[in-house]
Amino acid sequence: MDYWEFLFVPTVLFMVVVAPIWIVMHYRSVNRSSRSLNEEDRQRIEDMLVTVDRLTERIATLESILDDEQPDWRQQDGRGRRKEASS
């Protein structure tokens, strides 16, 4: 029996049975990994974005209050002032 005749049957079986299953399973896993977010995740992200917007507005408001009441607050070193206050 020749070497090529010996490999003919396994090669045909691989091409007819294994290769199509392998290709289908590969593309199924690619499709699953590339799915978009589900509705619950989208809602969570939207809620987080609303919270971030509110917090940004609060920070801006606090900074404007501090600018009005103590204009040089940005130049102060908070760590140095704590050491002086605790001494």
PDB file of N, CA and C in Angstrom:
ATOM      1  N   MET A   1       0.846  -1.177   0.000  1.00  0.00           N
ATOM      2  CA  MET A   1       0.000   0.000   0.000  1.00  0.00           C
ATOM      3  C   MET A   1       0.895   1.246   0.000  1.00  0.00           C
ATOM      4  N   ASP A   2       0.607   2.133  -0.886  1.00  0.00           N
ATOM      5  CA  ASP A   2       1.389   3.348  -1.044  1.00  0.00           C
ATOM      6  C   ASP A   2       1.030   4.347   0.064  1.00  0.00           C
ATOM      7  N   TYR A   3       1.958   5.234   0.356  1.00  0.00           N
ATOM      8  CA  TYR A   3       1.773   6.241   1.410  1.00  0.00           C
ATOM      9  C   TYR A   3       0.580   7.138   1.115  1.00  0.00           C
ATOM     10  N   TRP A   4       0.404   7.559  -0.125  1.00  0.00           N
ATOM     11  CA  TRP A   4      -0.690   8.459  -0.496  1.00  0.00           C
ATOM     12  C   TRP A   4      -2.035   7.741  -0.429  1.00  0.00           C
ATOM     13  N   GLU A   5      -2.065   6.485  -0.761  1.00  0.00           N
ATOM     14  CA  GLU A   5      -3.296   5.705  -0.635  1.00  0.00           C
ATOM     15  C   GLU A   5      -3.663   5.552   0.842  1.00  0.00           C
ATOM     16  N   PHE A   6      -2.663   5.431   1.691  1.00  0.00           N
ATOM     17  CA  PHE A   6      -2.899   5.299   3.129  1.00  0.00           C
ATOM     18  C   PHE A   6      -3.502   6.581   3.718  1.00  0.00           C
ATOM     19  N   LEU A   7      -3.078   7.740   3.256  1.00  0.00           N
ATOM     20  CA  LEU A   7      -3.566   9.009   3.767  1.00  0.00           C
ATOM     21  C   LEU A   7      -4.845   9.497   3.088  1.00  0.00           C
ATOM     22  N   PHE A   8      -5.256   8.843   2.013  1.00  0.00           N
ATOM     23  CA  PHE A   8      -6.415   9.296   1.268  1.00  0.00           C
ATOM     24  C   PHE A   8      -7.691   9.240   2.110  1.00  0.00           C
ATOM     25  N   VAL A   9      -7.966   8.168   2.785  1.00  0.00           N
ATOM     26  CA  VAL A   9      -9.195   8.010   3.574  1.00  0.00           C
ATOM     27  C   VAL A   9      -9.230   8.989   4.748  1.00  0.00           C
ATOM     28  N   PRO A  10      -8.191   9.117   5.564  1.00  0.00           N
ATOM     29  CA  PRO A  10      -8.243  10.106   6.650  1.00  0.00           C
ATOM     30  C   PRO A  10      -8.388  11.543   6.131  1.00  0.00           C
ATOM     31  N   THR A  11      -7.759  11.832   5.004  1.00  0.00           N
ATOM     32  CA  THR A  11      -7.868  13.175   4.443  1.00  0.00           C
ATOM     33  C   THR A  11      -9.289  13.456   3.992  1.00  0.00           C
ATOM     34  N   VAL A  12      -9.908  12.509   3.332  1.00  0.00           N
ATOM     35  CA  VAL A  12     -11.296  12.685   2.893  1.00  0.00           C
ATOM     36  C   VAL A  12     -12.206  12.828   4.097  1.00  0.00           C
ATOM     37  N   LEU A  13     -12.026  12.013   5.115  1.00  0.00           N
ATOM     38  CA  LEU A  13     -12.846  12.125   6.329  1.00  0.00           C
ATOM     39  C   LEU A  13     -12.653  13.491   6.993  1.00  0.00           C
ATOM     40  N   PHE A  14     -11.439  13.957   7.051  1.00  0.00           N
ATOM     41  CA  PHE A  14     -11.182  15.272   7.639  1.00  0.00           C
ATOM     42  C   PHE A  14     -11.883  16.360   6.846  1.00  0.00           C
ATOM     43  N   MET A  15     -11.776  16.326   5.541  1.00  0.00           N
ATOM     44  CA  MET A  15     -12.369  17.365   4.701  1.00  0.00           C
ATOM     45  C   MET A  15     -13.896  17.317   4.712  1.00  0.00           C
ATOM     46  N   VAL A  16     -14.476  16.157   4.843  1.00  0.00           N
ATOM     47  CA  VAL A  16     -15.928  16.013   4.770  1.00  0.00           C
ATOM     48  C   VAL A  16     -16.579  16.189   6.137  1.00  0.00           C
ATOM     49  N   VAL A  17     -15.953  15.733   7.213  1.00  0.00           N
ATOM     50  CA  VAL A  17     -16.591  15.747   8.529  1.00  0.00           C
ATOM     51  C   VAL A  17     -15.979  16.801   9.452  1.00  0.00           C
ATOM     52  N   VAL A  18     -14.705  16.739   9.680  1.00  0.00           N
ATOM     53  CA  VAL A  18     -14.060  17.560  10.693  1.00  0.00           C
ATOM     54  C   VAL A  18     -13.967  19.025  10.268  1.00  0.00           C
ATOM     55  N   ALA A  19     -13.521  19.292   9.059  1.00  0.00           N
ATOM     56  CA  ALA A  19     -13.312  20.675   8.619  1.00  0.00           C
ATOM     57  C   ALA A  19     -14.603  21.502   8.655  1.00  0.00           C
ATOM     58  N   PRO A  20     -15.724  21.016   8.126  1.00  0.00           N
ATOM     59  CA  PRO A  20     -16.952  21.829   8.206  1.00  0.00           C
ATOM     60  C   PRO A  20     -17.399  22.105   9.642  1.00  0.00           C
ATOM     61  N   ILE A  21     -17.303  21.109  10.498  1.00  0.00           N
ATOM     62  CA  ILE A  21     -17.677  21.315  11.905  1.00  0.00           C
ATOM     63  C   ILE A  21     -16.747  22.333  12.542  1.00  0.00           C
ATOM     64  N   TRP A  22     -15.470  22.214  12.268  1.00  0.00           N
ATOM     65  CA  TRP A  22     -14.472  23.140  12.809  1.00  0.00           C
ATOM     66  C   TRP A  22     -14.767  24.574  12.352  1.00  0.00           C
ATOM     67  N   ILE A  23     -15.056  24.743  11.072  1.00  0.00           N
ATOM     68  CA  ILE A  23     -15.343  26.081  10.539  1.00  0.00           C
ATOM     69  C   ILE A  23     -16.603  26.654  11.166  1.00  0.00           C
ATOM     70  N   VAL A  24     -17.651  25.857  11.256  1.00  0.00           N
ATOM     71  CA  VAL A  24     -18.910  26.328  11.849  1.00  0.00           C
ATOM     72  C   VAL A  24     -18.694  26.721  13.306  1.00  0.00           C
ATOM     73  N   MET A  25     -18.012  25.906  14.070  1.00  0.00           N
ATOM     74  CA  MET A  25     -17.770  26.213  15.485  1.00  0.00           C
ATOM     75  C   MET A  25     -16.905  27.465  15.635  1.00  0.00           C
ATOM     76  N   HIS A  26     -15.944  27.650  14.759  1.00  0.00           N
ATOM     77  CA  HIS A  26     -15.095  28.836  14.822  1.00  0.00           C
ATOM     78  C   HIS A  26     -15.925  30.100  14.632  1.00  0.00           C
ATOM     79  N   TYR A  27     -16.746  30.121  13.593  1.00  0.00           N
ATOM     80  CA  TYR A  27     -17.518  31.327  13.325  1.00  0.00           C
ATOM     81  C   TYR A  27     -18.627  31.544  14.345  1.00  0.00           C
ATOM     82  N   ARG A  28     -19.124  30.490  14.956  1.00  0.00           N
ATOM     83  CA  ARG A  28     -20.087  30.665  16.049  1.00  0.00           C
ATOM     84  C   ARG A  28     -19.421  31.334  17.246  1.00  0.00           C
ATOM     85  N   SER A  29     -18.204  30.927  17.556  1.00  0.00           N
ATOM     86  CA  SER A  29     -17.509  31.551  18.697  1.00  0.00           C
ATOM     87  C   SER A  29     -17.134  32.994  18.379  1.00  0.00           C
ATOM     88  N   VAL A  30     -16.756  33.284  17.148  1.00  0.00           N
ATOM     89  CA  VAL A  30     -16.451  34.663  16.759  1.00  0.00           C
ATOM     90  C   VAL A  30     -17.708  35.521  16.876  1.00  0.00           C
ATOM     91  N   ASN A  31     -18.837  34.985  16.442  1.00  0.00           N
ATOM     92  CA  ASN A  31     -20.099  35.715  16.509  1.00  0.00           C
ATOM     93  C   ASN A  31     -20.496  35.989  17.960  1.00  0.00           C
ATOM     94  N   ARG A  32     -20.329  35.027  18.821  1.00  0.00           N
ATOM     95  CA  ARG A  32     -20.671  35.214  20.238  1.00  0.00           C
ATOM     96  C   ARG A  32     -19.791  36.263  20.903  1.00  0.00           C
ATOM     97  N   SER A  33     -18.522  36.249  20.573  1.00  0.00           N
ATOM     98  CA  SER A  33     -17.600  37.195  21.215  1.00  0.00           C
ATOM     99  C   SER A  33     -17.788  38.619  20.703  1.00  0.00           C
ATOM    100  N   SER A  34     -18.353  38.785  19.510  1.00  0.00           N
ATOM    101  CA  SER A  34     -18.504  40.119  18.961  1.00  0.00           C
ATOM    102  C   SER A  34     -19.916  40.681  19.127  1.00  0.00           C
ATOM    103  N   ARG A  35     -20.743  40.016  19.892  1.00  0.00           N
ATOM    104  CA  ARG A  35     -22.095  40.527  20.108  1.00  0.00           C
ATOM    105  C   ARG A  35     -22.049  41.859  20.833  1.00  0.00           C
ATOM    106  N   SER A  36     -23.036  42.661  20.561  1.00  0.00           N
ATOM    107  CA  SER A  36     -23.096  43.955  21.238  1.00  0.00           C
ATOM    108  C   SER A  36     -23.668  43.783  22.642  1.00  0.00           C
ATOM    109  N   LEU A  37     -23.720  44.881  23.371  1.00  0.00           N
ATOM    110  CA  LEU A  37     -24.219  44.845  24.744  1.00  0.00           C
ATOM    111  C   LEU A  37     -25.702  44.511  24.772  1.00  0.00           C
ATOM    112  N   ASN A  38     -26.110  43.815  25.820  1.00  0.00           N
ATOM    113  CA  ASN A  38     -27.539  43.559  25.951  1.00  0.00           C
ATOM    114  C   ASN A  38     -28.222  44.781  26.548  1.00  0.00           C
ATOM    115  N   GLU A  39     -29.524  44.757  26.632  1.00  0.00           N
ATOM    116  CA  GLU A  39     -30.292  45.932  27.051  1.00  0.00           C
ATOM    117  C   GLU A  39     -29.979  46.332  28.491  1.00  0.00           C
ATOM    118  N   GLU A  40     -29.775  45.358  29.368  1.00  0.00           N
ATOM    119  CA  GLU A  40     -29.451  45.663  30.768  1.00  0.00           C
ATOM    120  C   GLU A  40     -28.120  46.407  30.878  1.00  0.00           C
ATOM    121  N   ASP A  41     -27.127  45.960  30.131  1.00  0.00           N
ATOM    122  CA  ASP A  41     -25.828  46.631  30.154  1.00  0.00           C
ATOM    123  C   ASP A  41     -25.922  48.048  29.591  1.00  0.00           C
ATOM    124  N   ARG A  42     -26.700  48.200  28.534  1.00  0.00           N
ATOM    125  CA  ARG A  42     -26.876  49.542  27.968  1.00  0.00           C
ATOM    126  C   ARG A  42     -27.538  50.477  28.979  1.00  0.00           C
ATOM    127  N   GLN A  43     -28.541  49.972  29.693  1.00  0.00           N
ATOM    128  CA  GLN A  43     -29.224  50.795  30.683  1.00  0.00           C
ATOM    129  C   GLN A  43     -28.272  51.178  31.812  1.00  0.00           C
ATOM    130  N   ARG A  44     -27.449  50.251  32.244  1.00  0.00           N
ATOM    131  CA  ARG A  44     -26.466  50.555  33.287  1.00  0.00           C
ATOM    132  C   ARG A  44     -25.501  51.646  32.838  1.00  0.00           C
ATOM    133  N   ILE A  45     -25.043  51.546  31.611  1.00  0.00           N
ATOM    134  CA  ILE A  45     -24.116  52.553  31.092  1.00  0.00           C
ATOM    135  C   ILE A  45     -24.798  53.905  31.008  1.00  0.00           C
ATOM    136  N   GLU A  46     -26.039  53.924  30.556  1.00  0.00           N
ATOM    137  CA  GLU A  46     -26.773  55.189  30.493  1.00  0.00           C
ATOM    138  C   GLU A  46     -26.932  55.793  31.890  1.00  0.00           C
ATOM    139  N   ASP A  47     -27.253  54.954  32.879  1.00  0.00           N
ATOM    140  CA  ASP A  47     -27.375  55.444  34.260  1.00  0.00           C
ATOM    141  C   ASP A  47     -26.047  56.003  34.762  1.00  0.00           C
ATOM    142  N   MET A  48     -24.961  55.319  34.445  1.00  0.00           N
ATOM    143  CA  MET A  48     -23.644  55.802  34.867  1.00  0.00           C
ATOM    144  C   MET A  48     -23.310  57.132  34.206  1.00  0.00           C
ATOM    145  N   LEU A  49     -23.658  57.277  32.940  1.00  0.00           N
ATOM    146  CA  LEU A  49     -23.392  58.532  32.244  1.00  0.00           C
ATOM    147  C   LEU A  49     -24.190  59.686  32.838  1.00  0.00           C
ATOM    148  N   VAL A  50     -25.436  59.409  33.233  1.00  0.00           N
ATOM    149  CA  VAL A  50     -26.251  60.442  33.888  1.00  0.00           C
ATOM    150  C   VAL A  50     -25.608  60.828  35.214  1.00  0.00           C
ATOM    151  N   THR A  51     -25.149  59.833  35.962  1.00  0.00           N
ATOM    152  CA  THR A  51     -24.497  60.109  37.243  1.00  0.00           C
ATOM    153  C   THR A  51     -23.220  60.916  37.039  1.00  0.00           C
ATOM    154  N   VAL A  52     -22.445  60.568  36.038  1.00  0.00           N
ATOM    155  CA  VAL A  52     -21.212  61.310  35.753  1.00  0.00           C
ATOM    156  C   VAL A  52     -21.535  62.759  35.397  1.00  0.00           C
ATOM    157  N   ASP A  53     -22.569  62.962  34.595  1.00  0.00           N
ATOM    158  CA  ASP A  53     -22.961  64.332  34.247  1.00  0.00           C
ATOM    159  C   ASP A  53     -23.377  65.127  35.482  1.00  0.00           C
ATOM    160  N   ARG A  54     -24.150  64.502  36.371  1.00  0.00           N
ATOM    161  CA  ARG A  54     -24.564  65.189  37.605  1.00  0.00           C
ATOM    162  C   ARG A  54     -23.369  65.522  38.475  1.00  0.00           C
ATOM    163  N   LEU A  55     -22.444  64.579  38.615  1.00  0.00           N
ATOM    164  CA  LEU A  55     -21.265  64.827  39.439  1.00  0.00           C
ATOM    165  C   LEU A  55     -20.380  65.913  38.837  1.00  0.00           C
ATOM    166  N   THR A  56     -20.289  65.937  37.519  1.00  0.00           N
ATOM    167  CA  THR A  56     -19.515  66.994  36.858  1.00  0.00           C
ATOM    168  C   THR A  56     -20.129  68.358  37.136  1.00  0.00           C
ATOM    169  N   GLU A  57     -21.447  68.437  37.073  1.00  0.00           N
ATOM    170  CA  GLU A  57     -22.124  69.702  37.389  1.00  0.00           C
ATOM    171  C   GLU A  57     -21.893  70.102  38.844  1.00  0.00           C
ATOM    172  N   ARG A  58     -21.929  69.134  39.751  1.00  0.00           N
ATOM    173  CA  ARG A  58     -21.687  69.435  41.171  1.00  0.00           C
ATOM    174  C   ARG A  58     -20.278  69.954  41.389  1.00  0.00           C
ATOM    175  N   ILE A  59     -19.310  69.323  40.744  1.00  0.00           N
ATOM    176  CA  ILE A  59     -17.922  69.769  40.899  1.00  0.00           C
ATOM    177  C   ILE A  59     -17.769  71.184  40.365  1.00  0.00           C
ATOM    178  N   ALA A  60     -18.378  71.457  39.216  1.00  0.00           N
ATOM    179  CA  ALA A  60     -18.294  72.808  38.650  1.00  0.00           C
ATOM    180  C   ALA A  60     -18.932  73.822  39.594  1.00  0.00           C
ATOM    181  N   THR A  61     -20.062  73.462  40.195  1.00  0.00           N
ATOM    182  CA  THR A  61     -20.721  74.361  41.143  1.00  0.00           C
ATOM    183  C   THR A  61     -19.847  74.597  42.367  1.00  0.00           C
ATOM    184  N   LEU A  62     -19.283  73.539  42.918  1.00  0.00           N
ATOM    185  CA  LEU A  62     -18.410  73.677  44.085  1.00  0.00           C
ATOM    186  C   LEU A  62     -17.183  74.525  43.762  1.00  0.00           C
ATOM    187  N   GLU A  63     -16.612  74.325  42.591  1.00  0.00           N
ATOM    188  CA  GLU A  63     -15.453  75.131  42.214  1.00  0.00           C
ATOM    189  C   GLU A  63     -15.819  76.600  42.065  1.00  0.00           C
ATOM    190  N   SER A  64     -16.995  76.878  41.512  1.00  0.00           N
ATOM    191  CA  SER A  64     -17.395  78.285  41.372  1.00  0.00           C
ATOM    192  C   SER A  64     -17.655  78.911  42.742  1.00  0.00           C
ATOM    193  N   ILE A  65     -18.231  78.139  43.674  1.00  0.00           N
ATOM    194  CA  ILE A  65     -18.437  78.650  45.036  1.00  0.00           C
ATOM    195  C   ILE A  65     -17.092  78.942  45.690  1.00  0.00           C
ATOM    196  N   LEU A  66     -16.156  78.008  45.566  1.00  0.00           N
ATOM    197  CA  LEU A  66     -14.828  78.214  46.139  1.00  0.00           C
ATOM    198  C   LEU A  66     -14.112  79.392  45.482  1.00  0.00           C
ATOM    199  N   ASP A  67     -14.273  79.546  44.168  1.00  0.00           N
ATOM    200  CA  ASP A  67     -13.662  80.691  43.485  1.00  0.00           C
ATOM    201  C   ASP A  67     -14.203  82.004  44.037  1.00  0.00           C
ATOM    202  N   ASP A  68     -15.505  82.044  44.351  1.00  0.00           N
ATOM    203  CA  ASP A  68     -16.107  83.263  44.889  1.00  0.00           C
ATOM    204  C   ASP A  68     -15.659  83.533  46.321  1.00  0.00           C
ATOM    205  N   GLU A  69     -15.627  82.488  47.148  1.00  0.00           N
ATOM    206  CA  GLU A  69     -15.336  82.677  48.567  1.00  0.00           C
ATOM    207  C   GLU A  69     -13.849  82.729  48.876  1.00  0.00           C
ATOM    208  N   GLN A  70     -13.058  81.957  48.149  1.00  0.00           N
ATOM    209  CA  GLN A  70     -11.613  81.928  48.406  1.00  0.00           C
ATOM    210  C   GLN A  70     -10.894  81.769  47.067  1.00  0.00           C
ATOM    211  N   PRO A  71     -10.566  82.881  46.418  1.00  0.00           N
ATOM    212  CA  PRO A  71     -10.040  82.848  45.045  1.00  0.00           C
ATOM    213  C   PRO A  71      -8.728  82.079  44.878  1.00  0.00           C
ATOM    214  N   ASP A  72      -7.902  81.978  45.900  1.00  0.00           N
ATOM    215  CA  ASP A  72      -6.609  81.312  45.743  1.00  0.00           C
ATOM    216  C   ASP A  72      -6.620  79.866  46.245  1.00  0.00           C
ATOM    217  N   TRP A  73      -7.785  79.261  46.304  1.00  0.00           N
ATOM    218  CA  TRP A  73      -7.865  77.898  46.829  1.00  0.00           C
ATOM    219  C   TRP A  73      -7.145  76.887  45.937  1.00  0.00           C
ATOM    220  N   ARG A  74      -7.021  77.146  44.658  1.00  0.00           N
ATOM    221  CA  ARG A  74      -6.359  76.196  43.753  1.00  0.00           C
ATOM    222  C   ARG A  74      -4.843  76.156  43.968  1.00  0.00           C
ATOM    223  N   GLN A  75      -4.270  77.243  44.458  1.00  0.00           N
ATOM    224  CA  GLN A  75      -2.824  77.299  44.670  1.00  0.00           C
ATOM    225  C   GLN A  75      -2.410  76.744  46.031  1.00  0.00           C
ATOM    226  N   GLN A  76      -3.359  76.529  46.925  1.00  0.00           N
ATOM    227  CA  GLN A  76      -3.015  76.050  48.264  1.00  0.00           C
ATOM    228  C   GLN A  76      -2.674  74.566  48.222  1.00  0.00           C
ATOM    229  N   ASP A  77      -1.684  74.219  49.061  1.00  0.00           N
ATOM    230  CA  ASP A  77      -1.315  72.820  49.201  1.00  0.00           C
ATOM    231  C   ASP A  77      -2.030  72.277  50.432  1.00  0.00           C
ATOM    232  N   GLY A  78      -2.992  71.422  50.240  1.00  0.00           N
ATOM    233  CA  GLY A  78      -3.805  70.904  51.340  1.00  0.00           C
ATOM    234  C   GLY A  78      -3.002  70.105  52.349  1.00  0.00           C
ATOM    235  N   ARG A  79      -1.972  69.396  51.928  1.00  0.00           N
ATOM    236  CA  ARG A  79      -1.189  68.588  52.857  1.00  0.00           C
ATOM    237  C   ARG A  79      -0.391  69.463  53.809  1.00  0.00           C
ATOM    238  N   GLY A  80       0.151  70.531  53.304  1.00  0.00           N
ATOM    239  CA  GLY A  80       0.927  71.434  54.163  1.00  0.00           C
ATOM    240  C   GLY A  80       0.043  72.106  55.197  1.00  0.00           C
ATOM    241  N   ARG A  81      -1.153  72.476  54.830  1.00  0.00           N
ATOM    242  CA  ARG A  81      -2.059  73.144  55.747  1.00  0.00           C
ATOM    243  C   ARG A  81      -2.537  72.190  56.835  1.00  0.00           C
ATOM    244  N   ARG A  82      -2.684  70.909  56.531  1.00  0.00           N
ATOM    245  CA  ARG A  82      -3.100  69.936  57.547  1.00  0.00           C
ATOM    246  C   ARG A  82      -2.004  69.759  58.599  1.00  0.00           C
ATOM    247  N   LYS A  83      -0.759  69.718  58.174  1.00  0.00           N
ATOM    248  CA  LYS A  83       0.339  69.555  59.121  1.00  0.00           C
ATOM    249  C   LYS A  83       0.421  70.759  60.054  1.00  0.00           C
ATOM    250  N   GLU A  84       0.227  71.955  59.499  1.00  0.00           N
ATOM    251  CA  GLU A  84       0.275  73.150  60.326  1.00  0.00           C
ATOM    252  C   GLU A  84      -0.896  73.188  61.318  1.00  0.00           C
ATOM    253  N   ALA A  85      -2.062  72.735  60.859  1.00  0.00           N
ATOM    254  CA  ALA A  85      -3.252  72.765  61.724  1.00  0.00           C
ATOM    255  C   ALA A  85      -3.136  71.727  62.833  1.00  0.00           C
ATOM    256  N   SER A  86      -2.520  70.589  62.565  1.00  0.00           N
ATOM    257  CA  SER A  86      -2.422  69.547  63.602  1.00  0.00           C
ATOM    258  C   SER A  86      -1.321  69.835  64.601  1.00  0.00           C
ATOM    259  N   SER A  87      -0.349  70.682  64.281  1.00  0.00           N
ATOM    260  CA  SER A  87       0.777  70.991  65.189  1.00  0.00           C
ATOM    261  C   SER A  87       0.371  71.921  66.285  1.00  0.00           C
TER     262      SER A  87
END
